[in-house]
């Protein structure tokens, strides 16, 4: 029997992996996923699901929902991607990662079929998650879309509810280069008769969701029309937020352990989703919601969202990497007191780096770096592109070297921010 490391080496070597190689690993239909699930006798039909899509916030929203179901006593599966440190982070039940033995056993079981079907890494991982959730008889699984929606390997489920967080530019080479085009891809997760919650009303794309939902007779809810923020403040490692339930005219107070100010929009989507689920017979109380949202990290193992790893100098990791994600991080910086800002940053080649760089402050010190994956953008090329936007600093051959340089230059009252790519953050961890 292969070891866990040998199994992962086999999977990484055999299967094209989007996070490492980019668009060539993305399949434009669901054929492979359906073929894998056929062999496994359709595990996805044996448990209930919630499907979460969106450009930003889908990971945080998925973890919040998982925490709420766990707190309410349900055995809860959670499928997310990519992973930060260990492949098994992608597949969890009640916050616990899938055991190494299962990954080994599943891969052995499917090895003879992998040659015939030639799935991508993501396609096989989806099948693995669904098989594990069936074997473990979860009550519900929160399934985060990998990329897009319509053609994503996860789009083979009929969920209890679909949640779409927001739409902004990302993966234009695959999803389209206008927001309505991207929204149409995300709207592909809306199913006939299944309620859909949209976290954020965006005038440019709302008609796409309204039309799709109407055509499929799916009840649609715009969360930011059902909730209104009354106040919010960052309080140490928590975000204190007061929301008005506009339908019932009730004030709700929450303390979130995800302390990015940008989580407000995600919370509204999650709360609207909970309302729909309550109406559909799921036993979730406000006490469950409140307790869960104050312990999302502990309940689910979420990392990398405005993740404070050191106090002096304040050192923060954030996996935000596209235009909207970087905007949110920059807005968040406005809520923090610090003397000087140091930014450790690296990107992957297929991101629209020229669009994102002008969002960064010209007053920060930059430490440009490259993660250890084939898709990573060369650090010297990044430094040159950044200089054109008035951002100055030094290029470093590795993430660790960049972080070390930032730590050497930072004073006690400064802030070190690490962002730009999941892989840069993972290497710091």
Protein backbone atom coordinates (compact mmCIF):
# COMPACT_ATOMS: atom_id res chain seq x y z
CA UNK A 1 0.00 0.00 0.00
CA UNK A 2 1.34 3.44 -0.90
CA UNK A 3 2.08 5.96 1.85
CA UNK A 4 0.10 9.23 2.08
CA UNK A 5 3.07 11.16 0.62
CA UNK A 6 3.43 8.68 -2.26
CA UNK A 7 -0.31 8.95 -2.94
CA UNK A 8 -0.16 12.76 -3.09
CA UNK A 9 2.97 12.65 -5.27
CA UNK A 10 1.08 10.35 -7.64
CA UNK A 11 -1.99 12.65 -7.73
CA UNK A 12 0.08 15.81 -8.24
CA UNK A 13 2.19 14.16 -10.95
CA UNK A 14 -0.60 12.36 -12.82
CA UNK A 15 -3.37 14.92 -12.85
CA UNK A 16 -3.35 18.42 -14.28
CA UNK A 17 -3.84 20.82 -11.38
CA UNK A 18 -5.27 24.28 -12.07
CA UNK A 19 -3.57 25.88 -9.08
CA UNK A 20 -0.16 24.80 -10.37
CA UNK A 21 -0.45 24.97 -14.17
CA UNK A 22 -3.45 27.22 -14.83
CA UNK A 23 -6.17 27.16 -17.49
CA UNK A 24 -4.93 24.02 -19.26
CA UNK A 25 -6.22 22.00 -16.27
CA UNK A 26 -9.76 23.44 -16.52
CA UNK A 27 -12.25 21.14 -18.24
CA UNK A 28 -15.10 22.71 -20.19
CA UNK A 29 -17.74 20.11 -19.39
CA UNK A 30 -18.83 17.83 -16.55
CA UNK A 31 -18.17 14.62 -18.46
CA UNK A 32 -15.18 13.42 -16.39
CA UNK A 33 -16.79 14.22 -13.05
CA UNK A 34 -19.96 12.37 -14.01
CA UNK A 35 -17.90 9.37 -15.24
CA UNK A 36 -16.04 9.19 -11.89
CA UNK A 37 -19.29 9.48 -9.91
CA UNK A 38 -20.92 6.79 -12.07
CA UNK A 39 -18.15 4.35 -11.05
CA UNK A 40 -18.79 5.25 -7.40
CA UNK A 41 -22.57 4.77 -7.81
CA UNK A 42 -23.46 8.48 -7.50
CA UNK A 43 -22.42 9.33 -3.92
CA UNK A 44 -23.59 12.94 -4.38
CA UNK A 45 -27.24 11.80 -4.21
CA UNK A 46 -26.86 10.33 -0.71
CA UNK A 47 -26.57 13.49 1.42
CA UNK A 48 -27.96 17.02 1.43
CA UNK A 49 -25.87 19.95 0.22
CA UNK A 50 -25.56 23.72 0.01
CA UNK A 51 -23.71 25.09 -3.04
CA UNK A 52 -21.64 28.29 -2.70
CA UNK A 53 -20.24 30.30 -5.64
CA UNK A 54 -18.90 33.83 -6.13
CA UNK A 55 -15.68 35.65 -6.98
CA UNK A 56 -14.76 36.62 -3.42
CA UNK A 57 -16.13 35.55 -0.06
CA UNK A 58 -17.26 32.07 -1.06
CA UNK A 59 -14.65 30.41 1.14
CA UNK A 60 -15.47 32.49 4.22
CA UNK A 61 -19.22 32.08 3.62
CA UNK A 62 -18.85 28.30 3.24
CA UNK A 63 -16.93 28.07 6.52
CA UNK A 64 -19.52 30.26 8.32
CA UNK A 65 -22.36 28.03 7.14
CA UNK A 66 -20.45 24.90 8.15
CA UNK A 67 -19.82 26.37 11.61
CA UNK A 68 -23.54 27.15 12.02
CA UNK A 69 -24.67 23.64 11.05
CA UNK A 70 -22.04 22.12 13.35
CA UNK A 71 -23.18 24.33 16.23
CA UNK A 72 -26.78 23.27 15.54
CA UNK A 73 -25.74 19.63 16.01
CA UNK A 74 -25.67 18.48 12.39
CA UNK A 75 -22.87 16.26 11.10
CA UNK A 76 -21.44 18.69 8.56
CA UNK A 77 -19.20 18.09 5.56
CA UNK A 78 -17.22 20.96 4.07
CA UNK A 79 -15.51 20.90 0.66
CA UNK A 80 -13.29 23.89 -0.24
CA UNK A 81 -10.26 24.67 -2.42
CA UNK A 82 -7.39 25.26 -2.76
CA UNK A 83 -5.65 24.06 0.40
CA UNK A 84 -3.03 26.08 2.26
CA UNK A 85 -0.83 23.51 3.99
CA UNK A 86 -2.21 20.00 3.54
CA UNK A 87 -4.36 18.60 0.74
CA UNK A 88 -6.75 17.16 3.36
CA UNK A 89 -7.94 20.66 4.33
CA UNK A 90 -10.17 20.50 1.24
CA UNK A 91 -12.37 17.78 2.75
CA UNK A 92 -13.57 18.09 6.35
CA UNK A 93 -16.33 16.81 8.59
CA UNK A 94 -17.14 18.89 11.68
CA UNK A 95 -13.84 20.68 11.20
CA UNK A 96 -11.74 17.49 11.09
CA UNK A 97 -9.75 16.85 7.91
CA UNK A 98 -10.26 13.61 5.95
CA UNK A 99 -7.92 10.86 7.27
CA UNK A 100 -4.80 10.01 5.27
CA UNK A 101 -5.99 6.38 5.07
CA UNK A 102 -9.12 7.41 3.18
CA UNK A 103 -7.12 9.45 0.64
CA UNK A 104 -4.82 6.47 0.06
CA UNK A 105 -7.68 3.94 -0.17
CA UNK A 106 -9.77 6.09 -2.53
CA UNK A 107 -6.81 6.74 -4.83
CA UNK A 108 -5.96 3.01 -4.98
CA UNK A 109 -9.60 2.20 -5.72
CA UNK A 110 -9.72 4.71 -8.59
CA UNK A 111 -6.21 4.18 -9.98
CA UNK A 112 -7.28 1.86 -12.80
CA UNK A 113 -10.01 4.34 -13.87
CA UNK A 114 -7.74 7.40 -13.76
CA UNK A 115 -5.90 6.25 -16.90
CA UNK A 116 -9.18 5.75 -18.81
CA UNK A 117 -10.95 8.93 -17.73
CA UNK A 118 -7.89 11.21 -17.34
CA UNK A 119 -9.58 13.53 -14.86
CA UNK A 120 -8.08 16.77 -13.60
CA UNK A 121 -6.85 16.93 -10.01
CA UNK A 122 -9.97 18.93 -9.07
CA UNK A 123 -12.37 16.47 -10.71
CA UNK A 124 -10.89 13.56 -8.77
CA UNK A 125 -10.89 15.57 -5.54
CA UNK A 126 -14.61 16.36 -5.91
CA UNK A 127 -15.39 12.66 -6.39
CA UNK A 128 -13.21 11.84 -3.35
CA UNK A 129 -15.08 14.37 -1.18
CA UNK A 130 -18.51 13.11 -2.24
CA UNK A 131 -17.52 9.49 -1.58
CA UNK A 132 -16.17 10.39 1.88
CA UNK A 133 -19.30 12.36 2.80
CA UNK A 134 -21.50 9.44 1.77
CA UNK A 135 -19.43 6.87 3.69
CA UNK A 136 -19.53 9.05 6.80
CA UNK A 137 -23.28 9.72 6.39
CA UNK A 138 -23.12 13.49 6.85
CA UNK A 139 -26.41 15.32 7.46
CA UNK A 140 -25.36 18.10 5.13
CA UNK A 141 -22.28 19.17 3.15
CA UNK A 142 -21.32 22.72 2.24
CA UNK A 143 -19.78 22.58 -1.24
CA UNK A 144 -17.67 25.51 -2.43
CA UNK A 145 -17.41 25.96 -6.21
CA UNK A 146 -13.84 25.75 -7.49
CA UNK A 147 -14.04 28.08 -10.47
CA UNK A 148 -17.06 29.70 -12.11
CA UNK A 149 -20.16 27.60 -11.54
CA UNK A 150 -21.89 26.26 -14.62
CA UNK A 151 -19.01 24.01 -15.71
CA UNK A 152 -17.42 23.52 -12.30
CA UNK A 153 -16.99 19.87 -11.26
CA UNK A 154 -19.08 20.50 -8.14
CA UNK A 155 -22.10 21.41 -10.27
CA UNK A 156 -23.54 17.89 -10.21
CA UNK A 157 -25.59 18.35 -7.03
CA UNK A 158 -29.14 19.48 -6.39
CA UNK A 159 -28.67 21.49 -3.20
CA UNK A 160 -31.07 22.66 -0.51
CA UNK A 161 -29.97 26.18 -1.35
CA UNK A 162 -27.52 28.00 -3.62
CA UNK A 163 -25.53 31.00 -2.35
CA UNK A 164 -23.68 33.41 -4.66
CA UNK A 165 -21.48 35.90 -2.81
CA UNK A 166 -20.38 38.52 -5.35
CA UNK A 167 -19.13 39.01 -8.89
CA UNK A 168 -15.91 40.70 -9.90
CA UNK A 169 -13.18 40.13 -12.46
CA UNK A 170 -11.17 36.94 -12.05
CA UNK A 171 -10.09 34.19 -14.48
CA UNK A 172 -11.23 36.32 -17.45
CA UNK A 173 -9.48 33.89 -19.82
CA UNK A 174 -11.98 31.22 -18.73
CA UNK A 175 -15.12 32.93 -17.41
CA UNK A 176 -15.49 35.91 -19.74
CA UNK A 177 -14.39 39.53 -19.73
CA UNK A 178 -17.57 41.34 -18.72
CA UNK A 179 -19.28 41.12 -15.32
CA UNK A 180 -22.60 39.88 -16.81
CA UNK A 181 -20.69 37.09 -18.63
CA UNK A 182 -19.01 36.06 -15.38
CA UNK A 183 -22.34 36.28 -13.55
CA UNK A 184 -23.91 33.93 -16.10
CA UNK A 185 -21.23 31.34 -15.32
CA UNK A 186 -21.83 31.70 -11.56
CA UNK A 187 -25.62 31.62 -12.09
CA UNK A 188 -25.10 28.15 -13.56
CA UNK A 189 -25.40 26.74 -10.02
CA UNK A 190 -29.03 27.91 -9.72
CA UNK A 191 -31.31 24.86 -9.92
CA UNK A 192 -35.00 24.47 -10.73
CA UNK A 193 -37.13 25.25 -7.69
CA UNK A 194 -34.11 25.58 -5.37
CA UNK A 195 -33.89 28.90 -3.47
CA UNK A 196 -30.88 31.10 -4.24
CA UNK A 197 -29.40 33.83 -2.03
CA UNK A 198 -27.28 36.60 -3.57
CA UNK A 199 -25.12 38.25 -0.89
CA UNK A 200 -24.68 41.58 -2.66
CA UNK A 201 -26.93 43.52 -5.03
CA UNK A 202 -24.74 44.66 -7.91
CA UNK A 203 -26.74 46.64 -10.48
CA UNK A 204 -24.70 45.37 -13.43
CA UNK A 205 -25.32 41.69 -12.72
CA UNK A 206 -28.53 41.51 -10.66
CA UNK A 207 -30.69 41.11 -13.83
CA UNK A 208 -28.69 37.99 -14.79
CA UNK A 209 -29.58 36.35 -11.46
CA UNK A 210 -33.19 37.54 -11.50
CA UNK A 211 -33.75 36.22 -15.05
CA UNK A 212 -32.03 32.88 -14.38
CA UNK A 213 -33.99 32.35 -11.16
CA UNK A 214 -37.28 33.27 -12.86
CA UNK A 215 -36.63 30.85 -15.74
CA UNK A 216 -35.97 28.06 -13.24
CA UNK A 217 -38.75 29.02 -10.84
CA UNK A 218 -36.14 29.39 -8.08
CA UNK A 219 -37.04 31.76 -5.20
CA UNK A 220 -34.38 34.51 -5.09
CA UNK A 221 -33.25 36.61 -2.11
CA UNK A 222 -30.85 39.57 -2.15
CA UNK A 223 -29.29 39.52 1.31
CA UNK A 224 -28.32 43.19 1.47
CA UNK A 225 -31.99 44.06 0.93
CA UNK A 226 -33.01 41.86 3.88
CA UNK A 227 -30.32 43.16 6.26
CA UNK A 228 -28.96 46.62 6.94
CA UNK A 229 -25.75 47.30 8.81
CA UNK A 230 -26.34 49.54 11.81
CA UNK A 231 -22.78 49.55 13.17
CA UNK A 232 -19.55 47.60 12.95
CA UNK A 233 -16.18 47.88 14.64
CA UNK A 234 -13.03 45.80 14.85
CA UNK A 235 -12.42 44.87 18.47
CA UNK A 236 -9.06 43.12 18.77
CA UNK A 237 -9.40 39.81 16.95
CA UNK A 238 -13.18 40.16 16.54
CA UNK A 239 -15.56 42.13 14.35
CA UNK A 240 -18.54 43.44 16.31
CA UNK A 241 -21.48 44.01 14.01
CA UNK A 242 -25.08 45.13 14.53
CA UNK A 243 -27.57 44.40 11.75
CA UNK A 244 -31.20 45.35 11.27
CA UNK A 245 -33.44 42.60 9.95
CA UNK A 246 -35.44 44.84 7.58
CA UNK A 247 -38.39 42.41 7.29
CA UNK A 248 -38.91 41.72 10.99
CA UNK A 249 -37.48 45.04 12.21
CA UNK A 250 -35.27 43.26 14.76
CA UNK A 251 -31.75 44.36 15.66
CA UNK A 252 -29.22 41.52 15.74
CA UNK A 253 -25.80 41.78 17.36
CA UNK A 254 -22.96 39.49 16.35
CA UNK A 255 -19.34 39.03 17.25
CA UNK A 256 -17.33 37.48 14.40
CA UNK A 257 -13.93 35.88 14.83
CA UNK A 258 -13.25 36.67 11.15
CA UNK A 259 -12.26 40.26 11.72
CA UNK A 260 -11.96 41.66 8.20
CA UNK A 261 -14.43 44.53 7.77
CA UNK A 262 -15.20 42.97 4.36
CA UNK A 263 -16.90 40.02 6.12
CA UNK A 264 -20.04 42.15 6.67
CA UNK A 265 -21.33 41.38 3.15
CA UNK A 266 -20.61 37.68 3.59
CA UNK A 267 -22.43 37.60 6.94
CA UNK A 268 -25.58 39.06 5.38
CA UNK A 269 -25.57 36.33 2.71
CA UNK A 270 -25.10 33.65 5.36
CA UNK A 271 -27.91 35.06 7.55
CA UNK A 272 -30.34 35.18 4.63
CA UNK A 273 -29.38 31.60 3.76
CA UNK A 274 -30.09 30.54 7.36
CA UNK A 275 -33.55 32.17 7.20
CA UNK A 276 -34.44 30.18 4.09
CA UNK A 277 -33.11 26.98 5.64
CA UNK A 278 -35.13 27.56 8.83
CA UNK A 279 -38.28 27.97 6.74
CA UNK A 280 -37.42 24.69 5.00
CA UNK A 281 -37.30 22.73 8.24
CA UNK A 282 -33.68 22.90 9.37
CA UNK A 283 -33.47 23.36 13.13
CA UNK A 284 -31.15 26.34 13.50
CA UNK A 285 -31.70 28.96 16.22
CA UNK A 286 -30.29 32.46 16.56
CA UNK A 287 -28.23 31.14 19.49
CA UNK A 288 -26.63 28.56 17.16
CA UNK A 289 -25.83 31.30 14.63
CA UNK A 290 -24.40 33.70 17.19
CA UNK A 291 -22.22 31.07 18.92
CA UNK A 292 -20.98 29.65 15.60
CA UNK A 293 -19.99 32.98 14.05
CA UNK A 294 -17.86 33.89 17.08
CA UNK A 295 -15.88 30.61 16.67
CA UNK A 296 -15.72 29.95 12.90
CA UNK A 297 -11.95 29.39 12.90
CA UNK A 298 -12.07 26.96 15.83
CA UNK A 299 -15.09 25.03 14.50
CA UNK A 300 -13.95 24.74 10.87
CA UNK A 301 -10.19 25.36 10.75
CA UNK A 302 -10.47 28.41 8.47
CA UNK A 303 -7.20 30.30 7.94
CA UNK A 304 -5.85 33.07 5.75
CA UNK A 305 -8.60 35.69 5.96
CA UNK A 306 -7.12 38.80 7.64
CA UNK A 307 -5.23 36.25 9.69
CA UNK A 308 -3.13 37.93 12.41
CA UNK A 309 -0.06 35.77 13.11
CA UNK A 310 1.95 38.25 15.20
CA UNK A 311 1.26 41.44 17.17
CA UNK A 312 4.56 43.40 17.18
CA UNK A 313 5.00 44.20 14.41
CA UNK A 314 1.40 43.41 13.51
CA UNK A 315 1.69 40.69 10.83
CA UNK A 316 -1.37 39.79 8.78
CA UNK A 317 -1.94 37.14 6.10
CA UNK A 318 -4.77 37.51 3.60
CA UNK A 319 -5.44 35.28 0.60
CA UNK A 320 -7.29 38.08 -1.26
CA UNK A 321 -5.69 38.17 -4.71
CA UNK A 322 -8.02 39.58 -7.39
CA UNK A 323 -9.28 43.12 -7.96
CA UNK A 324 -12.20 42.98 -5.52
CA UNK A 325 -10.21 41.03 -2.93
CA UNK A 326 -7.32 43.50 -2.93
CA UNK A 327 -9.77 46.44 -2.74
CA UNK A 328 -11.29 44.90 0.41
CA UNK A 329 -7.86 44.43 1.99
CA UNK A 330 -6.89 48.04 1.25
CA UNK A 331 -10.16 49.24 2.78
CA UNK A 332 -9.44 47.10 5.84
CA UNK A 333 -6.03 48.78 6.26
CA UNK A 334 -7.93 52.03 6.83
CA UNK A 335 -9.36 50.55 10.05
CA UNK A 336 -5.97 49.68 11.55
CA UNK A 337 -3.44 51.91 13.36
CA UNK A 338 0.20 51.46 12.36
CA UNK A 339 3.29 53.57 11.66
CA UNK A 340 4.72 52.15 8.44
CA UNK A 341 3.31 49.54 6.05
CA UNK A 342 5.41 46.66 4.66
CA UNK A 343 3.81 44.48 1.96
CA UNK A 344 5.12 41.02 1.03
CA UNK A 345 3.45 40.25 -2.30
CA UNK A 346 3.56 37.72 -5.11
CA UNK A 347 1.10 36.77 -7.86
CA UNK A 348 0.44 33.97 -10.32
CA UNK A 349 0.95 34.62 -14.03
CA UNK A 350 -2.68 34.47 -15.17
CA UNK A 351 -3.98 37.11 -12.76
CA UNK A 352 -4.64 40.57 -14.13
CA UNK A 353 -1.76 42.01 -12.18
CA UNK A 354 -1.78 45.37 -14.02
CA UNK A 355 -5.38 45.91 -12.87
CA UNK A 356 -4.56 45.14 -9.24
CA UNK A 357 -1.24 46.96 -8.70
CA UNK A 358 -2.73 50.51 -8.90
CA UNK A 359 -4.92 49.61 -5.88
CA UNK A 360 -1.86 49.30 -3.61
CA UNK A 361 -0.58 52.32 -1.63
CA UNK A 362 2.54 54.02 -3.01
CA UNK A 363 3.73 54.84 0.53
CA UNK A 364 4.32 51.19 1.55
CA UNK A 365 7.64 49.32 1.40
CA UNK A 366 7.38 46.33 -0.98
CA UNK A 367 9.01 42.90 -0.87
CA UNK A 368 8.23 41.21 -4.21
CA UNK A 369 8.48 37.42 -4.25
CA UNK A 370 7.55 34.24 -6.07
CA UNK A 371 5.83 31.15 -4.64
CA UNK A 372 7.34 27.75 -5.48
CA UNK A 373 4.84 26.74 -8.18
CA UNK A 374 5.15 26.76 -11.99
CA UNK A 375 2.34 29.33 -12.32
CA UNK A 376 4.08 31.92 -10.12
CA UNK A 377 4.94 35.27 -11.69
CA UNK A 378 8.68 36.05 -11.69
CA UNK A 379 9.53 38.39 -8.80
CA UNK A 380 11.74 40.68 -10.92
CA UNK A 381 9.02 41.01 -13.57
CA UNK A 382 6.53 41.80 -10.78
CA UNK A 383 8.84 44.48 -9.32
CA UNK A 384 9.12 46.11 -12.77
CA UNK A 385 5.33 46.06 -13.27
CA UNK A 386 4.85 47.49 -9.77
CA UNK A 387 7.33 50.31 -10.42
CA UNK A 388 5.13 51.43 -13.32
CA UNK A 389 2.35 51.94 -10.73
CA UNK A 390 4.66 53.86 -8.40
CA UNK A 391 5.27 50.94 -6.00
CA UNK A 392 8.86 50.47 -4.91
CA UNK A 393 10.79 47.80 -3.08
CA UNK A 394 13.07 44.84 -3.68
CA UNK A 395 12.62 41.50 -5.41
CA UNK A 396 13.33 38.37 -3.36
CA UNK A 397 13.87 34.90 -4.76
CA UNK A 398 11.56 33.24 -2.22
CA UNK A 399 8.58 34.06 -0.02
CA UNK A 400 10.63 33.29 3.12
CA UNK A 401 13.42 35.65 2.06
CA UNK A 402 10.87 38.42 1.42
CA UNK A 403 9.21 37.92 4.80
CA UNK A 404 12.58 37.85 6.57
CA UNK A 405 13.55 41.15 4.90
CA UNK A 406 10.21 42.72 5.91
CA UNK A 407 10.73 41.59 9.52
CA UNK A 408 14.25 43.03 9.57
CA UNK A 409 13.04 46.43 8.37
CA UNK A 410 9.80 46.68 10.36
CA UNK A 411 9.58 48.51 13.68
CA UNK A 412 7.37 47.34 16.57
CA UNK A 413 4.46 49.64 15.59
CA UNK A 414 4.56 48.82 11.86
CA UNK A 415 2.28 46.47 9.92
CA UNK A 416 3.48 43.62 7.68
CA UNK A 417 0.85 42.44 5.19
CA UNK A 418 1.31 39.23 3.18
CA UNK A 419 -1.04 38.90 0.18
CA UNK A 420 -1.38 38.48 -3.60
CA UNK A 421 -1.71 34.72 -3.85
CA UNK A 422 -2.93 31.71 -1.86
CA UNK A 423 0.50 30.16 -2.41
CA UNK A 424 2.45 33.08 -0.97
CA UNK A 425 0.29 32.93 2.18
CA UNK A 426 0.68 29.13 2.36
CA UNK A 427 4.46 29.38 2.27
CA UNK A 428 4.46 31.89 5.13
CA UNK A 429 2.34 29.48 7.18
